[in-house]
């Protein structure tokens, strides 16, 4: 008990009482300690309410039993492999609940709330973020608990991750389960995290599990980008920077590395660069027809994009065409030759030194 910090100088600490103290002692020492769980029938009515004023250890155990009684499981089949995906992954909601209890402001006469809907779980706590943490940078900030002694006890007892890895783990598990990432909302008074239980993207789950079996498990950064691009045709560097919560240079490094690994394809130059899923990934996701159709639409615009570039920047080369369109040097050469034959471009120089200008 002494090693965990529950007892100090022969007496229980406030954090220790929160962890294992009796209900009547908690009400005397930490009168605002309370968690309310609501199982929602719809957006305005609930069919189960539980008010907890017990110690954190009891709350976690009883809450898990309650939530799991409603937590349905879907089995994703991939040949001989079967993967069980819960409506709400246990590790994710447990981490979110612990964070709410850890980071709440115990001087405020408000409760931690858990609203458990069929399609989402909302977990909120009194007290805003501290230490410069916001919903827009939470993935890149070290944990800054409001209740440091309680955080230390939780770490020593193995209930929370060290080095602030808990939030990252929540995101990764949600994404690898074919679900949307957690959504954080905050103001100076409250923090709320929303865990979505939408339709599982089974193809994406199989894709991630296949990568794991091959020893190519994607990192969180890759998962964040892939999860967006499986719903959206393409993203820009600025969009990727927002998704990754990183600056442009670091985001660009990650995207280019994903291109090198064959996960993404890049097209465009300078501010017009965009990234999309590669043909190989589309095939793995069972959407090769979508890829071919979109690629075909792009090819219809290739000449138009080349002409737009030349008119804006005055000249173009084979290398720039390759970067602009994401094609090989042979395809770039054919496109440029056609535009010359059509009288739209004129060529100066030979072979690798050739440059193309708008025809007079």
Protein backbone atom coordinates (compact mmCIF):
# COMPACT_ATOMS: atom_id res chain seq x y z
CA UNK A 1 0.00 0.00 0.00
CA UNK A 2 2.84 2.36 0.87
CA UNK A 3 4.60 1.64 -2.45
CA UNK A 4 1.51 2.57 -4.44
CA UNK A 5 1.02 5.89 -2.66
CA UNK A 6 -2.32 4.92 -1.15
CA UNK A 7 -0.78 5.43 2.31
CA UNK A 8 1.72 8.12 3.27
CA UNK A 9 3.22 8.63 6.73
CA UNK A 10 0.91 5.99 8.08
CA UNK A 11 -2.26 7.69 6.85
CA UNK A 12 -4.35 7.17 3.69
CA UNK A 13 -3.93 9.88 1.07
CA UNK A 14 -6.90 11.57 -0.60
CA UNK A 15 -5.96 9.82 -3.86
CA UNK A 16 -5.72 6.54 -1.95
CA UNK A 17 -9.19 7.05 -0.50
CA UNK A 18 -10.51 7.70 -4.02
CA UNK A 19 -8.97 4.42 -5.13
CA UNK A 20 -10.04 2.05 -2.33
CA UNK A 21 -11.85 4.04 0.36
CA UNK A 22 -15.25 3.17 1.82
CA UNK A 23 -18.25 5.04 0.48
CA UNK A 24 -18.96 6.93 3.73
CA UNK A 25 -15.31 8.06 3.99
CA UNK A 26 -15.32 9.20 0.36
CA UNK A 27 -18.41 11.31 0.91
CA UNK A 28 -16.74 13.02 3.84
CA UNK A 29 -13.29 13.58 2.27
CA UNK A 30 -14.24 14.05 -1.42
CA UNK A 31 -17.93 15.05 -1.32
CA UNK A 32 -18.20 15.83 -5.04
CA UNK A 33 -16.90 12.44 -6.15
CA UNK A 34 -19.70 10.89 -8.23
CA UNK A 35 -20.16 9.08 -11.53
CA UNK A 36 -23.56 8.67 -13.16
CA UNK A 37 -24.15 6.01 -15.82
CA UNK A 38 -27.21 6.24 -18.08
CA UNK A 39 -28.18 3.57 -20.58
CA UNK A 40 -30.12 5.63 -23.13
CA UNK A 41 -33.24 4.37 -24.93
CA UNK A 42 -33.05 7.37 -27.24
CA UNK A 43 -31.73 10.93 -27.13
CA UNK A 44 -33.98 11.98 -24.24
CA UNK A 45 -34.97 8.84 -22.25
CA UNK A 46 -32.96 6.20 -20.39
CA UNK A 47 -33.94 2.75 -19.19
CA UNK A 48 -31.13 2.26 -16.67
CA UNK A 49 -29.41 4.67 -14.30
CA UNK A 50 -26.61 3.96 -11.86
CA UNK A 51 -25.21 6.53 -9.44
CA UNK A 52 -21.74 5.67 -8.18
CA UNK A 53 -20.15 7.25 -5.10
CA UNK A 54 -17.93 4.28 -4.33
CA UNK A 55 -14.16 3.99 -4.80
CA UNK A 56 -12.65 3.93 -8.29
CA UNK A 57 -11.78 0.21 -8.16
CA UNK A 58 -15.41 -0.69 -7.45
CA UNK A 59 -16.74 1.73 -10.08
CA UNK A 60 -14.55 0.28 -12.82
CA UNK A 61 -15.49 -3.33 -12.06
CA UNK A 62 -19.22 -2.72 -11.79
CA UNK A 63 -19.34 -0.40 -14.80
CA UNK A 64 -17.56 -2.95 -16.98
CA UNK A 65 -20.09 -5.62 -16.00
CA UNK A 66 -22.96 -3.25 -16.79
CA UNK A 67 -21.61 -2.05 -20.12
CA UNK A 68 -20.64 -5.53 -21.26
CA UNK A 69 -24.21 -6.73 -20.68
CA UNK A 70 -25.22 -4.44 -23.57
CA UNK A 71 -22.04 -4.79 -25.62
CA UNK A 72 -22.81 -6.85 -28.73
CA UNK A 73 -20.10 -8.66 -30.67
CA UNK A 74 -19.76 -8.97 -34.45
CA UNK A 75 -17.49 -11.65 -35.90
CA UNK A 76 -15.44 -10.61 -38.92
CA UNK A 77 -14.38 -13.66 -40.94
CA UNK A 78 -11.20 -13.76 -42.99
CA UNK A 79 -10.65 -17.29 -44.29
CA UNK A 80 -9.57 -19.41 -41.33
CA UNK A 81 -9.29 -16.34 -39.10
CA UNK A 82 -12.22 -14.96 -37.10
CA UNK A 83 -12.05 -11.59 -35.32
CA UNK A 84 -14.54 -10.54 -32.65
CA UNK A 85 -15.35 -6.83 -32.71
CA UNK A 86 -17.42 -5.31 -29.91
CA UNK A 87 -19.82 -2.41 -30.30
CA UNK A 88 -17.55 -0.58 -27.87
CA UNK A 89 -14.07 -2.10 -27.41
CA UNK A 90 -13.49 -2.65 -23.68
CA UNK A 91 -10.00 -1.16 -23.62
CA UNK A 92 -11.26 2.03 -25.26
CA UNK A 93 -14.21 2.85 -23.02
CA UNK A 94 -12.29 1.74 -19.92
CA UNK A 95 -9.44 4.14 -20.75
CA UNK A 96 -11.94 6.95 -21.41
CA UNK A 97 -13.65 6.36 -18.05
CA UNK A 98 -10.34 6.29 -16.20
CA UNK A 99 -9.30 9.53 -17.89
CA UNK A 100 -12.56 11.19 -16.85
CA UNK A 101 -12.04 10.16 -13.21
CA UNK A 102 -8.38 11.10 -13.30
CA UNK A 103 -8.70 14.51 -14.97
CA UNK A 104 -11.94 15.72 -13.39
CA UNK A 105 -11.99 18.73 -11.08
CA UNK A 106 -12.92 17.31 -7.66
CA UNK A 107 -13.60 20.82 -6.28
CA UNK A 108 -16.64 21.21 -8.55
CA UNK A 109 -20.05 20.01 -7.46
CA UNK A 110 -20.67 18.18 -10.73
CA UNK A 111 -20.52 14.53 -11.75
CA UNK A 112 -18.72 12.44 -14.32
CA UNK A 113 -21.41 11.32 -16.80
CA UNK A 114 -21.53 8.28 -19.06
CA UNK A 115 -24.36 8.22 -21.58
CA UNK A 116 -24.50 4.87 -23.31
CA UNK A 117 -26.50 5.04 -26.56
CA UNK A 118 -26.89 2.29 -29.12
CA UNK A 119 -24.72 4.14 -31.65
CA UNK A 120 -22.34 6.03 -29.34
CA UNK A 121 -20.99 6.45 -25.84
CA UNK A 122 -20.46 9.92 -24.39
CA UNK A 123 -18.15 10.29 -21.39
CA UNK A 124 -17.82 13.74 -19.82
CA UNK A 125 -16.14 15.18 -16.76
CA UNK A 126 -16.14 18.56 -14.98
CA UNK A 127 -13.00 20.62 -15.54
CA UNK A 128 -11.49 21.58 -18.90
CA UNK A 129 -8.14 20.50 -20.30
CA UNK A 130 -5.03 21.89 -18.62
CA UNK A 131 -1.43 22.43 -19.71
CA UNK A 132 -2.23 23.58 -23.22
CA UNK A 133 -3.97 20.36 -24.29
CA UNK A 134 -6.83 20.81 -26.78
CA UNK A 135 -8.91 18.45 -28.93
CA UNK A 136 -6.73 19.55 -31.86
CA UNK A 137 -3.41 18.45 -30.30
CA UNK A 138 -4.35 15.75 -27.81
CA UNK A 139 -2.54 13.01 -29.75
CA UNK A 140 0.79 14.86 -29.55
CA UNK A 141 0.75 16.09 -25.96
CA UNK A 142 2.10 14.31 -22.89
CA UNK A 143 -0.58 13.58 -20.33
CA UNK A 144 -1.02 16.45 -17.86
CA UNK A 145 -3.31 15.11 -15.13
CA UNK A 146 -5.08 17.53 -12.85
CA UNK A 147 -4.71 14.99 -10.03
CA UNK A 148 -1.05 13.94 -10.20
CA UNK A 149 -1.01 11.77 -7.08
CA UNK A 150 -4.04 9.84 -8.30
CA UNK A 151 -2.34 9.40 -11.68
CA UNK A 152 0.75 7.99 -9.98
CA UNK A 153 -1.33 5.45 -8.04
CA UNK A 154 -3.16 4.42 -11.20
CA UNK A 155 0.16 3.89 -12.96
CA UNK A 156 1.68 1.91 -10.11
CA UNK A 157 -1.37 -0.33 -9.97
CA UNK A 158 -1.21 -0.83 -13.75
CA UNK A 159 -4.59 0.73 -14.46
CA UNK A 160 -3.35 3.41 -16.84
CA UNK A 161 -0.55 3.63 -19.38
CA UNK A 162 2.69 5.42 -18.68
CA UNK A 163 3.99 8.27 -20.88
CA UNK A 164 0.52 9.33 -21.99
CA UNK A 165 -0.01 6.44 -24.42
CA UNK A 166 -3.62 5.80 -23.39
CA UNK A 167 -5.28 8.23 -25.81
CA UNK A 168 -3.17 6.97 -28.72
CA UNK A 169 -4.15 3.42 -27.87
CA UNK A 170 -7.83 4.42 -27.82
CA UNK A 171 -7.51 5.86 -31.32
CA UNK A 172 -5.62 2.85 -32.67
CA UNK A 173 -8.07 0.27 -31.30
CA UNK A 174 -11.09 2.17 -32.61
CA UNK A 175 -9.56 2.50 -36.09
CA UNK A 176 -8.28 -1.07 -36.30
CA UNK A 177 -11.79 -2.22 -35.30
CA UNK A 178 -13.18 -0.56 -38.43
CA UNK A 179 -14.75 2.28 -36.44
CA UNK A 180 -14.41 6.06 -36.36
CA UNK A 181 -11.77 7.57 -34.06
CA UNK A 182 -12.77 9.08 -30.70
CA UNK A 183 -13.98 12.68 -30.88
CA UNK A 184 -12.98 15.11 -28.13
CA UNK A 185 -14.91 18.26 -27.28
CA UNK A 186 -13.86 20.68 -24.58
CA UNK A 187 -14.34 24.12 -23.09
CA UNK A 188 -13.04 25.67 -19.87
CA UNK A 189 -15.67 23.83 -17.80
CA UNK A 190 -15.94 20.32 -19.25
CA UNK A 191 -14.31 17.68 -21.43
CA UNK A 192 -16.32 15.14 -23.39
CA UNK A 193 -15.18 12.20 -25.51
CA UNK A 194 -17.56 10.50 -27.94
CA UNK A 195 -17.00 6.87 -28.96
CA UNK A 196 -18.94 5.92 -32.09
CA UNK A 197 -20.51 2.54 -32.75
CA UNK A 198 -21.33 2.72 -36.44
CA UNK A 199 -21.31 0.02 -39.08
CA UNK A 200 -18.01 -1.86 -38.95
CA UNK A 201 -15.86 -1.59 -42.08
CA UNK A 202 -15.13 -5.33 -42.27
CA UNK A 203 -12.88 -5.00 -45.34
CA UNK A 204 -10.70 -2.52 -43.46
CA UNK A 205 -10.49 -4.82 -40.43
CA UNK A 206 -9.36 -7.68 -42.67
CA UNK A 207 -6.83 -5.40 -44.38
CA UNK A 208 -5.28 -4.32 -41.06
CA UNK A 209 -5.20 -7.88 -39.71
CA UNK A 210 -3.53 -9.09 -42.91
CA UNK A 211 -0.84 -6.43 -42.53
CA UNK A 212 -0.32 -7.50 -38.92
CA UNK A 213 0.06 -11.16 -39.96
CA UNK A 214 2.69 -10.11 -42.50
CA UNK A 215 4.63 -8.23 -39.84
CA UNK A 216 3.73 -4.89 -41.44
CA UNK A 217 1.40 -3.60 -38.75
CA UNK A 218 0.52 0.02 -39.58
CA UNK A 219 1.39 2.65 -37.00
CA UNK A 220 -1.14 5.11 -35.63
CA UNK A 221 -0.14 7.81 -38.12
CA UNK A 222 -0.74 5.44 -41.03
CA UNK A 223 -4.03 4.28 -39.53
CA UNK A 224 -5.26 7.87 -39.19
CA UNK A 225 -4.55 8.60 -42.86
CA UNK A 226 -5.89 5.28 -44.15
CA UNK A 227 -9.10 5.58 -42.13
CA UNK A 228 -9.87 8.95 -43.70
CA UNK A 229 -8.97 7.91 -47.26
CA UNK A 230 -11.18 4.84 -47.16
CA UNK A 231 -14.09 7.28 -46.83
CA UNK A 232 -12.69 10.16 -48.84
CA UNK A 233 -11.24 10.12 -52.36
CA UNK A 234 -8.12 12.18 -51.62
CA UNK A 235 -6.53 14.53 -49.11
CA UNK A 236 -4.15 17.47 -49.29
CA UNK A 237 -1.09 18.06 -47.15
CA UNK A 238 -2.98 20.62 -45.07
CA UNK A 239 -5.79 18.14 -44.42
CA UNK A 240 -3.28 15.45 -43.47
CA UNK A 241 -1.56 17.86 -41.10
CA UNK A 242 -4.87 18.49 -39.32
CA UNK A 243 -5.70 14.77 -39.16
CA UNK A 244 -2.26 13.83 -37.85
CA UNK A 245 -2.06 16.84 -35.51
CA UNK A 246 1.47 17.48 -36.82
CA UNK A 247 3.18 20.28 -38.71
CA UNK A 248 3.32 20.22 -42.51
CA UNK A 249 6.90 18.98 -42.78
CA UNK A 250 6.41 16.00 -40.48
CA UNK A 251 3.08 15.21 -42.13
CA UNK A 252 4.73 15.31 -45.56
CA UNK A 253 7.39 12.85 -44.38
CA UNK A 254 4.71 10.42 -43.19
CA UNK A 255 2.70 10.68 -46.42
CA UNK A 256 5.78 10.19 -48.61
CA UNK A 257 6.81 7.17 -46.54
CA UNK A 258 3.33 5.71 -47.05
CA UNK A 259 3.78 6.24 -50.80
CA UNK A 260 7.13 4.42 -50.62
CA UNK A 261 5.42 1.50 -48.81
CA UNK A 262 2.80 1.29 -51.54
CA UNK A 263 -0.09 2.43 -49.33
CA UNK A 264 -0.66 5.78 -51.07
CA UNK A 265 -0.24 7.42 -54.45
CA UNK A 266 0.65 11.07 -54.93
CA UNK A 267 -0.26 13.41 -57.74
CA UNK A 268 0.14 17.13 -58.38
CA UNK A 269 2.99 19.50 -57.58
CA UNK A 270 3.62 22.32 -55.14
CA UNK A 271 0.39 23.44 -53.45
CA UNK A 272 -1.69 21.18 -55.69
CA UNK A 273 -0.30 17.88 -54.33
CA UNK A 274 -2.94 15.35 -53.24
CA UNK A 275 -2.72 11.84 -51.83
CA UNK A 276 -5.02 8.86 -52.29
CA UNK A 277 -5.09 5.14 -51.58
CA UNK A 278 -2.94 3.09 -53.92
CA UNK A 279 -4.40 0.61 -56.39
CA UNK A 280 -3.03 -2.25 -54.25
CA UNK A 281 -4.88 -0.99 -51.16
CA UNK A 282 -8.10 -0.46 -53.14
CA UNK A 283 -7.79 -4.06 -54.30
CA UNK A 284 -7.30 -5.29 -50.71
CA UNK A 285 -10.40 -3.36 -49.69
CA UNK A 286 -12.38 -4.92 -52.53
CA UNK A 287 -12.82 -1.60 -54.31
CA UNK A 288 -10.63 -2.04 -57.39
CA UNK A 289 -13.52 -1.01 -59.66
CA UNK A 290 -13.79 2.30 -57.79
CA UNK A 291 -10.05 2.81 -58.19
CA UNK A 292 -10.12 2.09 -61.93
CA UNK A 293 -13.11 4.37 -62.46
CA UNK A 294 -11.52 7.24 -60.55
CA UNK A 295 -8.22 6.67 -62.30
CA UNK A 296 -10.03 6.79 -65.63
CA UNK A 297 -11.67 10.09 -64.75
CA UNK A 298 -8.26 11.48 -63.81
CA UNK A 299 -6.71 10.39 -67.09
CA UNK A 300 -9.40 12.25 -69.01
CA UNK A 301 -8.15 15.41 -67.26
CA UNK A 302 -4.41 14.75 -67.67
CA UNK A 303 -3.94 16.99 -70.69
CA UNK A 304 -6.09 19.68 -69.13
CA UNK A 305 -3.95 19.62 -65.97
CA UNK A 306 -0.74 19.83 -68.01
CA UNK A 307 -2.02 22.86 -69.90
CA UNK A 308 -3.17 24.54 -66.69
CA UNK A 309 0.31 24.09 -65.24
CA UNK A 310 2.12 25.46 -68.33
CA UNK A 311 -0.16 28.49 -68.51
CA UNK A 312 0.47 29.24 -64.84
CA UNK A 313 4.21 28.54 -64.62
CA UNK A 314 5.31 29.08 -68.24
CA UNK A 315 7.00 25.74 -68.87
CA UNK A 316 6.84 22.03 -68.01
CA UNK A 317 9.13 18.99 -68.23
CA UNK A 318 8.69 15.23 -68.24
CA UNK A 319 9.73 15.13 -64.58
CA UNK A 320 7.14 17.72 -63.58
CA UNK A 321 4.43 15.83 -65.48
CA UNK A 322 5.35 12.66 -63.56
CA UNK A 323 5.04 14.50 -60.25
CA UNK A 324 1.89 16.34 -61.32
CA UNK A 325 -0.01 13.27 -62.48
CA UNK A 326 1.67 10.42 -60.64
CA UNK A 327 2.58 8.61 -63.90
CA UNK A 328 5.80 7.02 -65.19
CA UNK A 329 8.16 8.73 -67.65
CA UNK A 330 6.77 6.84 -70.67
CA UNK A 331 3.19 7.92 -69.98
CA UNK A 332 4.40 11.48 -69.42
CA UNK A 333 6.25 11.43 -72.76
CA UNK A 334 3.16 10.20 -74.65
CA UNK A 335 0.98 12.91 -73.16
CA UNK A 336 3.48 15.62 -74.03
CA UNK A 337 3.89 14.29 -77.62
CA UNK A 338 0.13 14.32 -78.12
CA UNK A 339 -0.13 17.90 -76.93
CA UNK A 340 2.65 18.91 -79.31
CA UNK A 341 0.88 17.15 -82.23
CA UNK A 342 -2.37 18.87 -81.27
CA UNK A 343 -0.58 22.22 -81.56
CA UNK A 344 -1.10 23.12 -77.91
CA UNK A 345 2.53 22.85 -76.80
CA UNK A 346 5.89 23.43 -78.45
CA UNK A 347 9.06 21.64 -77.48
CA UNK A 348 12.54 23.04 -76.93
CA UNK A 349 15.56 20.84 -76.27
CA UNK A 350 16.02 17.10 -76.58
CA UNK A 351 15.63 14.04 -74.41
CA UNK A 352 16.00 14.75 -70.68
CA UNK A 353 16.59 18.46 -71.24
CA UNK A 354 13.37 18.98 -73.18
CA UNK A 355 11.05 21.72 -72.01
CA UNK A 356 7.55 22.43 -73.23
CA UNK A 357 5.87 25.82 -73.65
CA UNK A 358 2.44 27.01 -74.74
CA UNK A 359 2.38 27.07 -78.55
CA UNK A 360 2.17 30.58 -80.01
